[in-house]
Amino acid sequence: MSGDILQEILLEFLEVWLHNVIYKANLYPSQIFRSRYKYNISVKQSSYPPLNNYLRKLVLSLQPELHDQSIQSVTVNIEQELETRESFNLTISYPDTLPLEDIPSEKIISDCKDAFRGHIVSVLNSPSKKEQVPSEKRTFSVSVGTSELVASQMTAWCAETVPESEVPGIVEPLLFTDMALLRIQSSHRV
């Protein structure tokens, strides 16, 4: 039962996080975003049905991986002319063993809401390269890293040294939270 609660609130958080990242990146006119009260703070949520439907379907498609605790990262890349200009990353890790049944549901909800509030605030307060006016030439993509993907990539992985001058942007850690349930880190590459 507690595992289902964790999965449900993680799905909800991912959707809220995605809306706020897209708002922060200024990909759509700010008028389509409405303030909504979530995690005891004001968050942004799109009122544009095509975007809402896309994000909802994306988040719901992650249910099996969240249930299996195999999602390790969710990254939103802000792109212009096929080049990533900025990205927001959410890294998730789970304890090796955690008897969720031993943790009261109220504690799971309370701990997660506190942590999620911090991650949303860190996104909204992060420095950004956003354009002053939403641009039709800028788009976004969402990628999800799973433990299965990482394991399959490791067999063919080959180390390559990249000169520091070629690394695009600076990765800025925004927030790290460590709960008994999971660890979450937000970062932003500008």
C-alpha atoms as a PDB file:
ATOM      1  CA  MET A   1       0.000   0.000   0.000  1.00  0.00           C
ATOM      2  CA  SER A   2       2.724   2.506   0.953  1.00  0.00           C
ATOM      3  CA  GLY A   3       4.610   1.696  -2.264  1.00  0.00           C
ATOM      4  CA  ASP A   4       1.495   2.672  -4.237  1.00  0.00           C
ATOM      5  CA  ILE A   5       1.285   5.958  -2.348  1.00  0.00           C
ATOM      6  CA  LEU A   6       4.930   6.735  -3.084  1.00  0.00           C
ATOM      7  CA  GLN A   7       4.418   5.953  -6.773  1.00  0.00           C
ATOM      8  CA  GLU A   8       1.286   8.110  -6.933  1.00  0.00           C
ATOM      9  CA  ILE A   9       2.885  11.150  -5.303  1.00  0.00           C
ATOM     10  CA  LEU A  10       6.039  10.779  -7.418  1.00  0.00           C
ATOM     11  CA  LEU A  11       3.905  10.805 -10.579  1.00  0.00           C
ATOM     12  CA  GLU A  12       2.132  13.921  -9.385  1.00  0.00           C
ATOM     13  CA  PHE A  13       5.440  15.584  -8.489  1.00  0.00           C
ATOM     14  CA  LEU A  14       6.971  14.808 -11.892  1.00  0.00           C
ATOM     15  CA  GLU A  15       4.026  16.441 -13.619  1.00  0.00           C
ATOM     16  CA  VAL A  16       4.243  19.562 -11.415  1.00  0.00           C
ATOM     17  CA  TRP A  17       8.035  19.665 -11.904  1.00  0.00           C
ATOM     18  CA  LEU A  18       7.689  19.439 -15.709  1.00  0.00           C
ATOM     19  CA  HIS A  19       5.122  22.265 -15.841  1.00  0.00           C
ATOM     20  CA  ASN A  20       7.405  24.493 -13.771  1.00  0.00           C
ATOM     21  CA  VAL A  21      10.525  23.700 -15.807  1.00  0.00           C
ATOM     22  CA  ILE A  22       8.670  24.558 -19.019  1.00  0.00           C
ATOM     23  CA  TYR A  23       7.362  27.750 -17.424  1.00  0.00           C
ATOM     24  CA  LYS A  24      10.866  28.714 -16.251  1.00  0.00           C
ATOM     25  CA  ALA A  25      12.328  28.057 -19.721  1.00  0.00           C
ATOM     26  CA  ASN A  26       9.791  30.517 -21.182  1.00  0.00           C
ATOM     27  CA  LEU A  27       8.883  28.239 -24.089  1.00  0.00           C
ATOM     28  CA  TYR A  28       5.241  29.322 -24.075  1.00  0.00           C
ATOM     29  CA  PRO A  29       3.663  32.701 -23.321  1.00  0.00           C
ATOM     30  CA  SER A  30       3.449  33.191 -19.569  1.00  0.00           C
ATOM     31  CA  GLN A  31      -0.287  33.913 -19.933  1.00  0.00           C
ATOM     32  CA  ILE A  32      -1.025  30.217 -20.466  1.00  0.00           C
ATOM     33  CA  PHE A  33       0.312  29.390 -17.000  1.00  0.00           C
ATOM     34  CA  ARG A  34      -1.895  29.702 -13.954  1.00  0.00           C
ATOM     35  CA  SER A  35      -0.763  29.819 -10.360  1.00  0.00           C
ATOM     36  CA  ARG A  36      -1.863  26.843  -8.342  1.00  0.00           C
ATOM     37  CA  TYR A  37      -1.261  25.967  -4.710  1.00  0.00           C
ATOM     38  CA  LYS A  38       0.722  22.740  -4.292  1.00  0.00           C
ATOM     39  CA  TYR A  39       3.190  21.585  -1.616  1.00  0.00           C
ATOM     40  CA  ASN A  40       2.254  24.708   0.392  1.00  0.00           C
ATOM     41  CA  ILE A  41       3.614  27.046  -2.309  1.00  0.00           C
ATOM     42  CA  SER A  42       2.392  28.694  -5.475  1.00  0.00           C
ATOM     43  CA  VAL A  43       3.412  26.638  -8.520  1.00  0.00           C
ATOM     44  CA  LYS A  44       2.759  27.142 -12.223  1.00  0.00           C
ATOM     45  CA  GLN A  45       0.516  24.935 -14.320  1.00  0.00           C
ATOM     46  CA  SER A  46      -0.212  25.274 -18.004  1.00  0.00           C
ATOM     47  CA  SER A  47      -3.785  25.912 -19.108  1.00  0.00           C
ATOM     48  CA  TYR A  48      -2.938  24.951 -22.709  1.00  0.00           C
ATOM     49  CA  PRO A  49      -4.689  21.595 -23.386  1.00  0.00           C
ATOM     50  CA  PRO A  50      -2.206  20.174 -25.956  1.00  0.00           C
ATOM     51  CA  LEU A  51       0.732  20.754 -23.585  1.00  0.00           C
ATOM     52  CA  ASN A  52      -1.220  19.440 -20.588  1.00  0.00           C
ATOM     53  CA  ASN A  53      -2.252  16.303 -22.480  1.00  0.00           C
ATOM     54  CA  TYR A  54       1.311  15.669 -23.639  1.00  0.00           C
ATOM     55  CA  LEU A  55       2.764  16.056 -20.137  1.00  0.00           C
ATOM     56  CA  ARG A  56       0.012  13.932 -18.565  1.00  0.00           C
ATOM     57  CA  LYS A  57       0.524  11.108 -21.078  1.00  0.00           C
ATOM     58  CA  LEU A  58       4.283  11.305 -20.597  1.00  0.00           C
ATOM     59  CA  VAL A  59       4.002  11.077 -16.821  1.00  0.00           C
ATOM     60  CA  LEU A  60       1.453   8.240 -16.943  1.00  0.00           C
ATOM     61  CA  SER A  61       3.735   6.300 -19.297  1.00  0.00           C
ATOM     62  CA  LEU A  62       6.330   6.273 -16.494  1.00  0.00           C
ATOM     63  CA  GLN A  63       4.095   4.357 -14.065  1.00  0.00           C
ATOM     64  CA  PRO A  64       5.636   0.912 -14.660  1.00  0.00           C
ATOM     65  CA  GLU A  65       9.185   2.224 -14.229  1.00  0.00           C
ATOM     66  CA  LEU A  66       8.247   4.169 -11.100  1.00  0.00           C
ATOM     67  CA  HIS A  67       6.574   1.067  -9.705  1.00  0.00           C
ATOM     68  CA  ASP A  68       9.755  -0.935 -10.357  1.00  0.00           C
ATOM     69  CA  GLN A  69      11.868   1.932  -8.998  1.00  0.00           C
ATOM     70  CA  SER A  70      13.969   1.879 -12.165  1.00  0.00           C
ATOM     71  CA  ILE A  71      13.739   5.588 -13.093  1.00  0.00           C
ATOM     72  CA  GLN A  72      17.061   7.229 -12.307  1.00  0.00           C
ATOM     73  CA  SER A  73      16.684  10.568 -14.053  1.00  0.00           C
ATOM     74  CA  VAL A  74      14.311  12.827 -15.915  1.00  0.00           C
ATOM     75  CA  THR A  75      15.865  15.537 -18.074  1.00  0.00           C
ATOM     76  CA  VAL A  76      14.181  18.385 -19.900  1.00  0.00           C
ATOM     77  CA  ASN A  77      16.371  19.729 -22.708  1.00  0.00           C
ATOM     78  CA  ILE A  78      15.621  23.182 -24.068  1.00  0.00           C
ATOM     79  CA  GLU A  79      16.668  23.180 -27.702  1.00  0.00           C
ATOM     80  CA  GLN A  80      17.127  25.753 -30.414  1.00  0.00           C
ATOM     81  CA  GLU A  81      18.015  24.757 -33.957  1.00  0.00           C
ATOM     82  CA  LEU A  82      18.659  21.153 -32.858  1.00  0.00           C
ATOM     83  CA  GLU A  83      21.160  22.211 -30.209  1.00  0.00           C
ATOM     84  CA  THR A  84      20.564  21.889 -26.478  1.00  0.00           C
ATOM     85  CA  ARG A  85      20.886  25.342 -24.935  1.00  0.00           C
ATOM     86  CA  GLU A  86      19.781  24.543 -21.412  1.00  0.00           C
ATOM     87  CA  SER A  87      18.654  21.517 -19.440  1.00  0.00           C
ATOM     88  CA  PHE A  88      16.991  20.714 -16.143  1.00  0.00           C
ATOM     89  CA  ASN A  89      17.705  17.354 -14.582  1.00  0.00           C
ATOM     90  CA  LEU A  90      16.046  15.455 -11.779  1.00  0.00           C
ATOM     91  CA  THR A  91      18.024  12.481 -10.465  1.00  0.00           C
ATOM     92  CA  ILE A  92      16.249   9.902  -8.320  1.00  0.00           C
ATOM     93  CA  SER A  93      17.784   7.085  -6.311  1.00  0.00           C
ATOM     94  CA  TYR A  94      16.107   4.555  -4.091  1.00  0.00           C
ATOM     95  CA  PRO A  95      17.466   2.799  -1.003  1.00  0.00           C
ATOM     96  CA  ASP A  96      18.553  -0.804  -1.595  1.00  0.00           C
ATOM     97  CA  THR A  97      16.062  -2.108   0.914  1.00  0.00           C
ATOM     98  CA  LEU A  98      13.185  -0.165   2.269  1.00  0.00           C
ATOM     99  CA  PRO A  99      10.195  -1.783   3.931  1.00  0.00           C
ATOM    100  CA  LEU A 100       7.627   0.797   2.807  1.00  0.00           C
ATOM    101  CA  GLU A 101       4.935  -1.127   4.626  1.00  0.00           C
ATOM    102  CA  ASP A 102       6.604  -0.121   7.918  1.00  0.00           C
ATOM    103  CA  ILE A 103       6.326   3.608   7.133  1.00  0.00           C
ATOM    104  CA  PRO A 104       2.955   5.256   7.806  1.00  0.00           C
ATOM    105  CA  SER A 105       1.340   6.738   4.700  1.00  0.00           C
ATOM    106  CA  GLU A 106       1.030  10.130   6.400  1.00  0.00           C
ATOM    107  CA  LYS A 107       4.809  10.229   6.946  1.00  0.00           C
ATOM    108  CA  ILE A 108       5.507   9.318   3.318  1.00  0.00           C
ATOM    109  CA  ILE A 109       3.196  12.086   2.102  1.00  0.00           C
ATOM    110  CA  SER A 110       4.548  14.671   4.552  1.00  0.00           C
ATOM    111  CA  ASP A 111       8.233  13.930   3.850  1.00  0.00           C
ATOM    112  CA  CYS A 112       7.726  13.947   0.096  1.00  0.00           C
ATOM    113  CA  LYS A 113       5.734  17.195   0.068  1.00  0.00           C
ATOM    114  CA  ASP A 114       8.484  18.936   2.029  1.00  0.00           C
ATOM    115  CA  ALA A 115      11.165  17.714  -0.372  1.00  0.00           C
ATOM    116  CA  PHE A 116       9.100  18.387  -3.500  1.00  0.00           C
ATOM    117  CA  ARG A 117       8.436  21.961  -2.383  1.00  0.00           C
ATOM    118  CA  GLY A 118      12.182  22.599  -2.268  1.00  0.00           C
ATOM    119  CA  HIS A 119      12.750  21.169  -5.732  1.00  0.00           C
ATOM    120  CA  ILE A 120      10.001  23.274  -7.323  1.00  0.00           C
ATOM    121  CA  VAL A 121      11.300  26.435  -5.624  1.00  0.00           C
ATOM    122  CA  SER A 122      14.859  25.639  -6.769  1.00  0.00           C
ATOM    123  CA  VAL A 123      13.683  25.350 -10.395  1.00  0.00           C
ATOM    124  CA  LEU A 124      11.696  28.580 -10.261  1.00  0.00           C
ATOM    125  CA  ASN A 125      14.613  30.448  -8.659  1.00  0.00           C
ATOM    126  CA  SER A 126      17.358  29.026 -10.869  1.00  0.00           C
ATOM    127  CA  PRO A 127      19.264  31.301 -13.235  1.00  0.00           C
ATOM    128  CA  SER A 128      18.091  30.872 -16.784  1.00  0.00           C
ATOM    129  CA  LYS A 129      19.140  31.607 -20.342  1.00  0.00           C
ATOM    130  CA  LYS A 130      15.515  32.074 -21.244  1.00  0.00           C
ATOM    131  CA  GLU A 131      14.662  34.414 -24.047  1.00  0.00           C
ATOM    132  CA  GLN A 132      12.670  37.512 -23.132  1.00  0.00           C
ATOM    133  CA  VAL A 133       9.951  36.471 -25.576  1.00  0.00           C
ATOM    134  CA  PRO A 134       8.915  32.863 -26.215  1.00  0.00           C
ATOM    135  CA  SER A 135      10.461  31.744 -29.478  1.00  0.00           C
ATOM    136  CA  GLU A 136       8.944  29.468 -32.073  1.00  0.00           C
ATOM    137  CA  LYS A 137      12.429  28.211 -32.827  1.00  0.00           C
ATOM    138  CA  ARG A 138      12.905  26.809 -29.323  1.00  0.00           C
ATOM    139  CA  THR A 139      11.514  23.439 -28.344  1.00  0.00           C
ATOM    140  CA  PHE A 140      11.925  20.960 -25.538  1.00  0.00           C
ATOM    141  CA  SER A 141      12.456  17.254 -25.227  1.00  0.00           C
ATOM    142  CA  VAL A 142      12.189  14.990 -22.213  1.00  0.00           C
ATOM    143  CA  SER A 143      14.464  12.024 -21.679  1.00  0.00           C
ATOM    144  CA  VAL A 144      14.166   9.428 -18.959  1.00  0.00           C
ATOM    145  CA  GLY A 145      17.101   7.392 -17.699  1.00  0.00           C
ATOM    146  CA  THR A 146      16.309   4.013 -16.187  1.00  0.00           C
ATOM    147  CA  SER A 147      18.458   1.462 -14.404  1.00  0.00           C
ATOM    148  CA  GLU A 148      17.842  -1.019 -17.249  1.00  0.00           C
ATOM    149  CA  LEU A 149      19.037   1.531 -19.811  1.00  0.00           C
ATOM    150  CA  VAL A 150      22.154   2.281 -17.788  1.00  0.00           C
ATOM    151  CA  ALA A 151      22.921  -1.432 -17.365  1.00  0.00           C
ATOM    152  CA  SER A 152      22.544  -2.117 -21.091  1.00  0.00           C
ATOM    153  CA  GLN A 153      24.681   0.882 -22.011  1.00  0.00           C
ATOM    154  CA  MET A 154      27.470  -0.093 -19.629  1.00  0.00           C
ATOM    155  CA  THR A 155      28.339  -3.198 -21.642  1.00  0.00           C
ATOM    156  CA  ALA A 156      29.223  -1.088 -24.676  1.00  0.00           C
ATOM    157  CA  TRP A 157      30.442   1.936 -22.758  1.00  0.00           C
ATOM    158  CA  CYS A 158      33.839   3.316 -23.627  1.00  0.00           C
ATOM    159  CA  ALA A 159      35.483   6.142 -21.717  1.00  0.00           C
ATOM    160  CA  GLU A 160      36.303   9.201 -23.758  1.00  0.00           C
ATOM    161  CA  THR A 161      38.052  12.288 -22.498  1.00  0.00           C
ATOM    162  CA  VAL A 162      36.372  15.521 -23.495  1.00  0.00           C
ATOM    163  CA  PRO A 163      38.454  18.671 -23.207  1.00  0.00           C
ATOM    164  CA  GLU A 164      36.948  20.975 -20.615  1.00  0.00           C
ATOM    165  CA  SER A 165      36.616  23.778 -23.148  1.00  0.00           C
ATOM    166  CA  GLU A 166      34.193  21.623 -25.186  1.00  0.00           C
ATOM    167  CA  VAL A 167      31.794  20.897 -22.319  1.00  0.00           C
ATOM    168  CA  PRO A 168      28.744  23.057 -23.014  1.00  0.00           C
ATOM    169  CA  GLY A 169      27.472  25.161 -20.127  1.00  0.00           C
ATOM    170  CA  ILE A 170      27.854  24.878 -16.416  1.00  0.00           C
ATOM    171  CA  VAL A 171      25.929  22.336 -14.381  1.00  0.00           C
ATOM    172  CA  GLU A 172      24.544  24.000 -11.310  1.00  0.00           C
ATOM    173  CA  PRO A 173      23.243  21.733  -8.549  1.00  0.00           C
ATOM    174  CA  LEU A 174      19.988  23.210  -7.309  1.00  0.00           C
ATOM    175  CA  LEU A 175      18.952  20.965  -4.428  1.00  0.00           C
ATOM    176  CA  PHE A 176      19.655  17.558  -2.942  1.00  0.00           C
ATOM    177  CA  THR A 177      17.187  15.906  -0.583  1.00  0.00           C
ATOM    178  CA  ASP A 178      17.789  12.655   1.235  1.00  0.00           C
ATOM    179  CA  MET A 179      14.716  11.019   2.707  1.00  0.00           C
ATOM    180  CA  ALA A 180      14.430   7.496   3.996  1.00  0.00           C
ATOM    181  CA  LEU A 181      12.217   6.818   0.980  1.00  0.00           C
ATOM    182  CA  LEU A 182      14.414   8.158  -1.805  1.00  0.00           C
ATOM    183  CA  ARG A 183      17.045  10.705  -2.744  1.00  0.00           C
ATOM    184  CA  ILE A 184      16.352  13.437  -5.266  1.00  0.00           C
ATOM    185  CA  GLN A 185      18.749  15.911  -6.810  1.00  0.00           C
ATOM    186  CA  SER A 186      17.799  18.798  -9.083  1.00  0.00           C
ATOM    187  CA  SER A 187      20.376  20.364 -11.354  1.00  0.00           C
ATOM    188  CA  HIS A 188      20.357  22.918 -14.133  1.00  0.00           C
ATOM    189  CA  ARG A 189      22.789  23.278 -17.018  1.00  0.00           C
ATOM    190  CA  VAL A 190      23.015  26.769 -18.418  1.00  0.00           C
END
